[in-house]
Amino acid sequence: MPVSYGVYKKQLKLLPLTLYPDGRASVSVRFGYVGEDEVFNAISEQAFQIDEAGVSAILDSQPIHGLSRRDDLSYSVYAYLVQNGLIEPGTVS
């Protein structure tokens, strides 16, 4: 029996990107929603390994005017994950 408790938007949060000496990286992506209390509630978490070529593509991407360094890097990682079919695309806000 489905029960609804309001309307929520599925959100994605990227945890820190970990760079390794050999040029690879890893990132954990949490999927969840922000409740009425404005707190992010994680539903699932998935870890991704990024090879050296992927890390280069992320770090060499053009910066987006007006974004902080953190947001710009997060957007580049998100774009890489979407372009490589690792996560579904969504609306960035």
PDB file of N, CA and C in Angstrom:
ATOM      1  N   MET A   1       0.844  -1.171   0.000  1.00  0.00           N
ATOM      2  CA  MET A   1       0.000   0.000   0.000  1.00  0.00           C
ATOM      3  C   MET A   1       0.891   1.236   0.000  1.00  0.00           C
ATOM      4  N   PRO A   2       0.906   2.008  -1.078  1.00  0.00           N
ATOM      5  CA  PRO A   2       1.711   3.231  -1.113  1.00  0.00           C
ATOM      6  C   PRO A   2       1.107   4.322  -0.226  1.00  0.00           C
ATOM      7  N   VAL A   3       1.958   4.982   0.525  1.00  0.00           N
ATOM      8  CA  VAL A   3       1.542   6.105   1.367  1.00  0.00           C
ATOM      9  C   VAL A   3       2.427   7.289   1.022  1.00  0.00           C
ATOM     10  N   SER A   4       1.842   8.435   0.757  1.00  0.00           N
ATOM     11  CA  SER A   4       2.616   9.636   0.417  1.00  0.00           C
ATOM     12  C   SER A   4       2.643  10.581   1.603  1.00  0.00           C
ATOM     13  N   TYR A   5       3.798  11.219   1.802  1.00  0.00           N
ATOM     14  CA  TYR A   5       3.967  12.160   2.901  1.00  0.00           C
ATOM     15  C   TYR A   5       4.442  13.513   2.401  1.00  0.00           C
ATOM     16  N   GLY A   6       3.992  13.937   1.280  1.00  0.00           N
ATOM     17  CA  GLY A   6       4.413  15.217   0.727  1.00  0.00           C
ATOM     18  C   GLY A   6       5.169  15.014  -0.571  1.00  0.00           C
ATOM     19  N   VAL A   7       5.673  16.114  -1.093  1.00  0.00           N
ATOM     20  CA  VAL A   7       6.391  16.087  -2.355  1.00  0.00           C
ATOM     21  C   VAL A   7       7.847  16.446  -2.089  1.00  0.00           C
ATOM     22  N   TYR A   8       8.763  15.609  -2.573  1.00  0.00           N
ATOM     23  CA  TYR A   8      10.180  15.832  -2.376  1.00  0.00           C
ATOM     24  C   TYR A   8      10.901  15.740  -3.708  1.00  0.00           C
ATOM     25  N   LYS A   9      11.981  16.489  -3.831  1.00  0.00           N
ATOM     26  CA  LYS A   9      12.833  16.377  -5.004  1.00  0.00           C
ATOM     27  C   LYS A   9      14.020  15.501  -4.651  1.00  0.00           C
ATOM     28  N   LYS A  10      14.298  14.536  -5.499  1.00  0.00           N
ATOM     29  CA  LYS A  10      15.497  13.719  -5.328  1.00  0.00           C
ATOM     30  C   LYS A  10      16.699  14.620  -5.570  1.00  0.00           C
ATOM     31  N   GLN A  11      17.661  14.589  -4.673  1.00  0.00           N
ATOM     32  CA  GLN A  11      18.855  15.406  -4.814  1.00  0.00           C
ATOM     33  C   GLN A  11      20.103  14.547  -4.755  1.00  0.00           C
ATOM     34  N   LEU A  12      21.182  15.113  -5.229  1.00  0.00           N
ATOM     35  CA  LEU A  12      22.462  14.426  -5.281  1.00  0.00           C
ATOM     36  C   LEU A  12      23.482  15.300  -4.560  1.00  0.00           C
ATOM     37  N   LYS A  13      24.304  14.694  -3.722  1.00  0.00           N
ATOM     38  CA  LYS A  13      25.400  15.395  -3.052  1.00  0.00           C
ATOM     39  C   LYS A  13      26.678  14.627  -3.335  1.00  0.00           C
ATOM     40  N   LEU A  14      27.687  15.349  -3.814  1.00  0.00           N
ATOM     41  CA  LEU A  14      28.986  14.726  -4.063  1.00  0.00           C
ATOM     42  C   LEU A  14      29.850  14.908  -2.825  1.00  0.00           C
ATOM     43  N   LEU A  15      30.358  13.814  -2.310  1.00  0.00           N
ATOM     44  CA  LEU A  15      31.296  13.890  -1.199  1.00  0.00           C
ATOM     45  C   LEU A  15      32.670  14.237  -1.772  1.00  0.00           C
ATOM     46  N   PRO A  16      33.643  14.532  -0.943  1.00  0.00           N
ATOM     47  CA  PRO A  16      34.937  14.976  -1.489  1.00  0.00           C
ATOM     48  C   PRO A  16      35.522  14.029  -2.532  1.00  0.00           C
ATOM     49  N   LEU A  17      36.120  14.641  -3.516  1.00  0.00           N
ATOM     50  CA  LEU A  17      36.840  13.925  -4.558  1.00  0.00           C
ATOM     51  C   LEU A  17      38.217  13.587  -3.988  1.00  0.00           C
ATOM     52  N   THR A  18      38.565  12.314  -3.988  1.00  0.00           N
ATOM     53  CA  THR A  18      39.862  11.882  -3.472  1.00  0.00           C
ATOM     54  C   THR A  18      40.784  11.608  -4.648  1.00  0.00           C
ATOM     55  N   LEU A  19      41.888  12.340  -4.721  1.00  0.00           N
ATOM     56  CA  LEU A  19      42.867  12.165  -5.794  1.00  0.00           C
ATOM     57  C   LEU A  19      43.989  11.258  -5.299  1.00  0.00           C
ATOM     58  N   TYR A  20      44.410  10.318  -6.142  1.00  0.00           N
ATOM     59  CA  TYR A  20      45.475   9.384  -5.796  1.00  0.00           C
ATOM     60  C   TYR A  20      46.749   9.738  -6.553  1.00  0.00           C
ATOM     61  N   PRO A  21      47.922   9.373  -6.016  1.00  0.00           N
ATOM     62  CA  PRO A  21      49.196   9.720  -6.661  1.00  0.00           C
ATOM     63  C   PRO A  21      49.346   9.204  -8.094  1.00  0.00           C
ATOM     64  N   ASP A  22      48.646   8.122  -8.438  1.00  0.00           N
ATOM     65  CA  ASP A  22      48.779   7.568  -9.795  1.00  0.00           C
ATOM     66  C   ASP A  22      47.856   8.248 -10.808  1.00  0.00           C
ATOM     67  N   GLY A  23      47.147   9.305 -10.386  1.00  0.00           N
ATOM     68  CA  GLY A  23      46.285  10.050 -11.306  1.00  0.00           C
ATOM     69  C   GLY A  23      44.824   9.663 -11.268  1.00  0.00           C
ATOM     70  N   ARG A  24      44.481   8.570 -10.581  1.00  0.00           N
ATOM     71  CA  ARG A  24      43.081   8.160 -10.451  1.00  0.00           C
ATOM     72  C   ARG A  24      42.404   8.972  -9.352  1.00  0.00           C
ATOM     73  N   ALA A  25      41.092   8.800  -9.223  1.00  0.00           N
ATOM     74  CA  ALA A  25      40.336   9.458  -8.162  1.00  0.00           C
ATOM     75  C   ALA A  25      39.139   8.598  -7.793  1.00  0.00           C
ATOM     76  N   SER A  26      38.548   8.900  -6.667  1.00  0.00           N
ATOM     77  CA  SER A  26      37.286   8.276  -6.276  1.00  0.00           C
ATOM     78  C   SER A  26      36.369   9.370  -5.740  1.00  0.00           C
ATOM     79  N   VAL A  27      35.082   9.141  -5.897  1.00  0.00           N
ATOM     80  CA  VAL A  27      34.083  10.079  -5.374  1.00  0.00           C
ATOM     81  C   VAL A  27      32.874   9.263  -4.937  1.00  0.00           C
ATOM     82  N   SER A  28      32.260   9.687  -3.841  1.00  0.00           N
ATOM     83  CA  SER A  28      31.025   9.061  -3.379  1.00  0.00           C
ATOM     84  C   SER A  28      29.880  10.019  -3.650  1.00  0.00           C
ATOM     85  N   VAL A  29      28.802   9.476  -4.163  1.00  0.00           N
ATOM     86  CA  VAL A  29      27.626  10.269  -4.488  1.00  0.00           C
ATOM     87  C   VAL A  29      26.486   9.795  -3.591  1.00  0.00           C
ATOM     88  N   ARG A  30      25.900  10.738  -2.867  1.00  0.00           N
ATOM     89  CA  ARG A  30      24.749  10.422  -2.021  1.00  0.00           C
ATOM     90  C   ARG A  30      23.487  10.934  -2.714  1.00  0.00           C
ATOM     91  N   PHE A  31      22.479  10.090  -2.766  1.00  0.00           N
ATOM     92  CA  PHE A  31      21.176  10.461  -3.302  1.00  0.00           C
ATOM     93  C   PHE A  31      20.209  10.577  -2.131  1.00  0.00           C
ATOM     94  N   GLY A  32      19.377  11.583  -2.145  1.00  0.00           N
ATOM     95  CA  GLY A  32      18.428  11.756  -1.064  1.00  0.00           C
ATOM     96  C   GLY A  32      17.490  12.909  -1.347  1.00  0.00           C
ATOM     97  N   TYR A  33      16.981  13.505  -0.294  1.00  0.00           N
ATOM     98  CA  TYR A  33      16.047  14.618  -0.414  1.00  0.00           C
ATOM     99  C   TYR A  33      16.233  15.566   0.773  1.00  0.00           C
ATOM    100  N   VAL A  34      15.770  16.796   0.611  1.00  0.00           N
ATOM    101  CA  VAL A  34      15.761  17.767   1.697  1.00  0.00           C
ATOM    102  C   VAL A  34      14.342  17.790   2.238  1.00  0.00           C
ATOM    103  N   GLY A  35      14.221  17.499   3.510  1.00  0.00           N
ATOM    104  CA  GLY A  35      12.900  17.453   4.133  1.00  0.00           C
ATOM    105  C   GLY A  35      12.379  18.841   4.461  1.00  0.00           C
ATOM    106  N   GLU A  36      11.205  18.878   5.031  1.00  0.00           N
ATOM    107  CA  GLU A  36      10.590  20.148   5.411  1.00  0.00           C
ATOM    108  C   GLU A  36      11.430  20.896   6.430  1.00  0.00           C
ATOM    109  N   ASP A  37      12.311  20.187   7.147  1.00  0.00           N
ATOM    110  CA  ASP A  37      13.193  20.812   8.129  1.00  0.00           C
ATOM    111  C   ASP A  37      14.466  21.366   7.499  1.00  0.00           C
ATOM    112  N   GLU A  38      14.549  21.310   6.137  1.00  0.00           N
ATOM    113  CA  GLU A  38      15.695  21.819   5.368  1.00  0.00           C
ATOM    114  C   GLU A  38      16.983  21.009   5.582  1.00  0.00           C
ATOM    115  N   VAL A  39      16.864  19.782   6.079  1.00  0.00           N
ATOM    116  CA  VAL A  39      18.012  18.906   6.307  1.00  0.00           C
ATOM    117  C   VAL A  39      18.053  17.850   5.200  1.00  0.00           C
ATOM    118  N   PHE A  40      19.248  17.647   4.628  1.00  0.00           N
ATOM    119  CA  PHE A  40      19.420  16.621   3.597  1.00  0.00           C
ATOM    120  C   PHE A  40      19.372  15.250   4.242  1.00  0.00           C
ATOM    121  N   ASN A  41      18.537  14.382   3.702  1.00  0.00           N
ATOM    122  CA  ASN A  41      18.391  13.009   4.186  1.00  0.00           C
ATOM    123  C   ASN A  41      18.870  12.066   3.092  1.00  0.00           C
ATOM    124  N   ALA A  42      19.989  11.409   3.330  1.00  0.00           N
ATOM    125  CA  ALA A  42      20.548  10.481   2.338  1.00  0.00           C
ATOM    126  C   ALA A  42      19.729   9.200   2.316  1.00  0.00           C
ATOM    127  N   ILE A  43      19.464   8.715   1.105  1.00  0.00           N
ATOM    128  CA  ILE A  43      18.743   7.452   0.930  1.00  0.00           C
ATOM    129  C   ILE A  43      19.714   6.356   0.508  1.00  0.00           C
ATOM    130  N   SER A  44      20.656   6.716  -0.379  1.00  0.00           N
ATOM    131  CA  SER A  44      21.638   5.737  -0.830  1.00  0.00           C
ATOM    132  C   SER A  44      22.950   6.448  -1.133  1.00  0.00           C
ATOM    133  N   GLU A  45      24.004   5.672  -1.190  1.00  0.00           N
ATOM    134  CA  GLU A  45      25.326   6.210  -1.505  1.00  0.00           C
ATOM    135  C   GLU A  45      26.018   5.242  -2.455  1.00  0.00           C
ATOM    136  N   GLN A  46      26.698   5.802  -3.438  1.00  0.00           N
ATOM    137  CA  GLN A  46      27.391   4.979  -4.417  1.00  0.00           C
ATOM    138  C   GLN A  46      28.783   5.557  -4.639  1.00  0.00           C
ATOM    139  N   ALA A  47      29.791   4.704  -4.648  1.00  0.00           N
ATOM    140  CA  ALA A  47      31.175   5.132  -4.872  1.00  0.00           C
ATOM    141  C   ALA A  47      31.555   4.873  -6.325  1.00  0.00           C
ATOM    142  N   PHE A  48      32.318   5.812  -6.893  1.00  0.00           N
ATOM    143  CA  PHE A  48      32.786   5.685  -8.269  1.00  0.00           C
ATOM    144  C   PHE A  48      34.301   5.844  -8.303  1.00  0.00           C
ATOM    145  N   GLN A  49      34.941   5.029  -9.112  1.00  0.00           N
ATOM    146  CA  GLN A  49      36.370   5.143  -9.365  1.00  0.00           C
ATOM    147  C   GLN A  49      36.530   5.834 -10.713  1.00  0.00           C
ATOM    148  N   ILE A  50      37.406   6.817 -10.773  1.00  0.00           N
ATOM    149  CA  ILE A  50      37.626   7.566 -12.003  1.00  0.00           C
ATOM    150  C   ILE A  50      39.073   7.347 -12.432  1.00  0.00           C
ATOM    151  N   ASP A  51      39.250   6.947 -13.690  1.00  0.00           N
ATOM    152  CA  ASP A  51      40.608   6.675 -14.169  1.00  0.00           C
ATOM    153  C   ASP A  51      41.355   7.984 -14.455  1.00  0.00           C
ATOM    154  N   GLU A  52      42.626   7.855 -14.777  1.00  0.00           N
ATOM    155  CA  GLU A  52      43.488   9.017 -14.986  1.00  0.00           C
ATOM    156  C   GLU A  52      42.950   9.942 -16.085  1.00  0.00           C
ATOM    157  N   ALA A  53      42.463   9.361 -17.180  1.00  0.00           N
ATOM    158  CA  ALA A  53      41.911  10.177 -18.271  1.00  0.00           C
ATOM    159  C   ALA A  53      40.670  10.942 -17.812  1.00  0.00           C
ATOM    160  N   GLY A  54      39.839  10.303 -17.012  1.00  0.00           N
ATOM    161  CA  GLY A  54      38.645  10.960 -16.479  1.00  0.00           C
ATOM    162  C   GLY A  54      38.989  12.103 -15.547  1.00  0.00           C
ATOM    163  N   VAL A  55      39.986  11.891 -14.691  1.00  0.00           N
ATOM    164  CA  VAL A  55      40.433  12.956 -13.778  1.00  0.00           C
ATOM    165  C   VAL A  55      40.962  14.142 -14.580  1.00  0.00           C
ATOM    166  N   SER A  56      41.731  13.858 -15.617  1.00  0.00           N
ATOM    167  CA  SER A  56      42.248  14.942 -16.467  1.00  0.00           C
ATOM    168  C   SER A  56      41.105  15.706 -17.117  1.00  0.00           C
ATOM    169  N   ALA A  57      40.097  14.994 -17.604  1.00  0.00           N
ATOM    170  CA  ALA A  57      38.947  15.656 -18.229  1.00  0.00           C
ATOM    171  C   ALA A  57      38.211  16.541 -17.232  1.00  0.00           C
ATOM    172  N   ILE A  58      38.055  16.065 -16.003  1.00  0.00           N
ATOM    173  CA  ILE A  58      37.372  16.847 -14.963  1.00  0.00           C
ATOM    174  C   ILE A  58      38.177  18.098 -14.630  1.00  0.00           C
ATOM    175  N   LEU A  59      39.468  17.921 -14.379  1.00  0.00           N
ATOM    176  CA  LEU A  59      40.294  19.057 -13.945  1.00  0.00           C
ATOM    177  C   LEU A  59      40.586  20.041 -15.071  1.00  0.00           C
ATOM    178  N   ASP A  60      40.539  19.584 -16.319  1.00  0.00           N
ATOM    179  CA  ASP A  60      40.809  20.462 -17.460  1.00  0.00           C
ATOM    180  C   ASP A  60      39.558  21.145 -18.008  1.00  0.00           C
ATOM    181  N   SER A  61      38.379  20.840 -17.451  1.00  0.00           N
ATOM    182  CA  SER A  61      37.156  21.463 -17.968  1.00  0.00           C
ATOM    183  C   SER A  61      37.170  22.966 -17.676  1.00  0.00           C
ATOM    184  N   GLN A  62      36.496  23.718 -18.541  1.00  0.00           N
ATOM    185  CA  GLN A  62      36.457  25.168 -18.406  1.00  0.00           C
ATOM    186  C   GLN A  62      35.646  25.563 -17.176  1.00  0.00           C
ATOM    187  N   PRO A  63      36.138  26.525 -16.394  1.00  0.00           N
ATOM    188  CA  PRO A  63      35.384  26.970 -15.223  1.00  0.00           C
ATOM    189  C   PRO A  63      34.089  27.681 -15.640  1.00  0.00           C
ATOM    190  N   ILE A  64      33.123  27.636 -14.756  1.00  0.00           N
ATOM    191  CA  ILE A  64      31.835  28.291 -15.005  1.00  0.00           C
ATOM    192  C   ILE A  64      31.810  29.586 -14.201  1.00  0.00           C
ATOM    193  N   HIS A  65      31.650  30.695 -14.903  1.00  0.00           N
ATOM    194  CA  HIS A  65      31.654  32.012 -14.274  1.00  0.00           C
ATOM    195  C   HIS A  65      30.587  32.094 -13.176  1.00  0.00           C
ATOM    196  N   GLY A  66      30.974  32.629 -12.039  1.00  0.00           N
ATOM    197  CA  GLY A  66      30.033  32.849 -10.950  1.00  0.00           C
ATOM    198  C   GLY A  66      29.949  31.726  -9.939  1.00  0.00           C
ATOM    199  N   LEU A  67      30.542  30.575 -10.237  1.00  0.00           N
ATOM    200  CA  LEU A  67      30.507  29.469  -9.277  1.00  0.00           C
ATOM    201  C   LEU A  67      31.730  29.522  -8.369  1.00  0.00           C
ATOM    202  N   SER A  68      31.564  29.065  -7.137  1.00  0.00           N
ATOM    203  CA  SER A  68      32.714  28.920  -6.247  1.00  0.00           C
ATOM    204  C   SER A  68      33.579  27.773  -6.774  1.00  0.00           C
ATOM    205  N   ARG A  69      34.789  27.662  -6.295  1.00  0.00           N
ATOM    206  CA  ARG A  69      35.656  26.555  -6.727  1.00  0.00           C
ATOM    207  C   ARG A  69      35.022  25.210  -6.404  1.00  0.00           C
ATOM    208  N   ARG A  70      34.427  25.122  -5.215  1.00  0.00           N
ATOM    209  CA  ARG A  70      33.793  23.867  -4.787  1.00  0.00           C
ATOM    210  C   ARG A  70      32.646  23.498  -5.722  1.00  0.00           C
ATOM    211  N   ASP A  71      31.769  24.478  -6.013  1.00  0.00           N
ATOM    212  CA  ASP A  71      30.635  24.200  -6.890  1.00  0.00           C
ATOM    213  C   ASP A  71      31.088  23.902  -8.312  1.00  0.00           C
ATOM    214  N   ASP A  72      32.112  24.617  -8.776  1.00  0.00           N
ATOM    215  CA  ASP A  72      32.617  24.393 -10.121  1.00  0.00           C
ATOM    216  C   ASP A  72      33.196  22.980 -10.253  1.00  0.00           C
ATOM    217  N   LEU A  73      33.967  22.543  -9.259  1.00  0.00           N
ATOM    218  CA  LEU A  73      34.525  21.193  -9.282  1.00  0.00           C
ATOM    219  C   LEU A  73      33.411  20.156  -9.184  1.00  0.00           C
ATOM    220  N   SER A  74      32.441  20.396  -8.307  1.00  0.00           N
ATOM    221  CA  SER A  74      31.315  19.464  -8.175  1.00  0.00           C
ATOM    222  C   SER A  74      30.563  19.335  -9.493  1.00  0.00           C
ATOM    223  N   TYR A  75      30.351  20.461 -10.171  1.00  0.00           N
ATOM    224  CA  TYR A  75      29.650  20.421 -11.458  1.00  0.00           C
ATOM    225  C   TYR A  75      30.452  19.616 -12.484  1.00  0.00           C
ATOM    226  N   SER A  76      31.775  19.807 -12.503  1.00  0.00           N
ATOM    227  CA  SER A  76      32.618  19.060 -13.444  1.00  0.00           C
ATOM    228  C   SER A  76      32.559  17.558 -13.178  1.00  0.00           C
ATOM    229  N   VAL A  77      32.580  17.166 -11.913  1.00  0.00           N
ATOM    230  CA  VAL A  77      32.478  15.744 -11.555  1.00  0.00           C
ATOM    231  C   VAL A  77      31.099  15.218 -11.965  1.00  0.00           C
ATOM    232  N   TYR A  78      30.046  15.981 -11.648  1.00  0.00           N
ATOM    233  CA  TYR A  78      28.685  15.594 -12.016  1.00  0.00           C
ATOM    234  C   TYR A  78      28.576  15.410 -13.530  1.00  0.00           C
ATOM    235  N   ALA A  79      29.086  16.372 -14.305  1.00  0.00           N
ATOM    236  CA  ALA A  79      29.018  16.302 -15.764  1.00  0.00           C
ATOM    237  C   ALA A  79      29.748  15.061 -16.275  1.00  0.00           C
ATOM    238  N   TYR A  80      30.905  14.753 -15.693  1.00  0.00           N
ATOM    239  CA  TYR A  80      31.659  13.557 -16.090  1.00  0.00           C
ATOM    240  C   TYR A  80      30.833  12.297 -15.830  1.00  0.00           C
ATOM    241  N   LEU A  81      30.222  12.206 -14.646  1.00  0.00           N
ATOM    242  CA  LEU A  81      29.438  11.022 -14.295  1.00  0.00           C
ATOM    243  C   LEU A  81      28.242  10.858 -15.227  1.00  0.00           C
ATOM    244  N   VAL A  82      27.590  11.972 -15.576  1.00  0.00           N
ATOM    245  CA  VAL A  82      26.442  11.914 -16.496  1.00  0.00           C
ATOM    246  C   VAL A  82      26.906  11.530 -17.901  1.00  0.00           C
ATOM    247  N   GLN A  83      27.949  12.187 -18.395  1.00  0.00           N
ATOM    248  CA  GLN A  83      28.432  11.934 -19.756  1.00  0.00           C
ATOM    249  C   GLN A  83      28.894  10.494 -19.947  1.00  0.00           C
ATOM    250  N   ASN A  84      29.335   9.865 -18.877  1.00  0.00           N
ATOM    251  CA  ASN A  84      29.808   8.485 -18.963  1.00  0.00           C
ATOM    252  C   ASN A  84      28.737   7.470 -18.560  1.00  0.00           C
ATOM    253  N   GLY A  85      27.500   7.936 -18.416  1.00  0.00           N
ATOM    254  CA  GLY A  85      26.383   7.045 -18.137  1.00  0.00           C
ATOM    255  C   GLY A  85      26.401   6.420 -16.755  1.00  0.00           C
ATOM    256  N   LEU A  86      27.102   7.039 -15.813  1.00  0.00           N
ATOM    257  CA  LEU A  86      27.215   6.464 -14.473  1.00  0.00           C
ATOM    258  C   LEU A  86      26.065   6.888 -13.558  1.00  0.00           C
ATOM    259  N   ILE A  87      25.479   8.060 -13.819  1.00  0.00           N
ATOM    260  CA  ILE A  87      24.311   8.532 -13.093  1.00  0.00           C
ATOM    261  C   ILE A  87      23.356   9.186 -14.081  1.00  0.00           C
ATOM    262  N   GLU A  88      22.096   9.296 -13.678  1.00  0.00           N
ATOM    263  CA  GLU A  88      21.086   9.942 -14.519  1.00  0.00           C
ATOM    264  C   GLU A  88      21.262  11.459 -14.486  1.00  0.00           C
ATOM    265  N   PRO A  89      21.005  12.124 -15.607  1.00  0.00           N
ATOM    266  CA  PRO A  89      21.057  13.585 -15.582  1.00  0.00           C
ATOM    267  C   PRO A  89      19.848  14.151 -14.833  1.00  0.00           C
ATOM    268  N   GLY A  90      20.059  15.303 -14.253  1.00  0.00           N
ATOM    269  CA  GLY A  90      18.971  15.994 -13.564  1.00  0.00           C
ATOM    270  C   GLY A  90      19.075  17.487 -13.850  1.00  0.00           C
ATOM    271  N   THR A  91      18.304  18.258 -13.132  1.00  0.00           N
ATOM    272  CA  THR A  91      18.334  19.716 -13.283  1.00  0.00           C
ATOM    273  C   THR A  91      19.242  20.274 -12.198  1.00  0.00           C
ATOM    274  N   VAL A  92      20.287  20.963 -12.610  1.00  0.00           N
ATOM    275  CA  VAL A  92      21.243  21.557 -11.661  1.00  0.00           C
ATOM    276  C   VAL A  92      20.685  22.894 -11.204  1.00  0.00           C
ATOM    277  N   SER A  93      20.650  23.084  -9.886  1.00  0.00           N
ATOM    278  CA  SER A  93      20.170  24.371  -9.359  1.00  0.00           C
ATOM    279  C   SER A  93      21.104  24.902  -8.303  1.00  0.00           C
TER     280      SER A  93
END
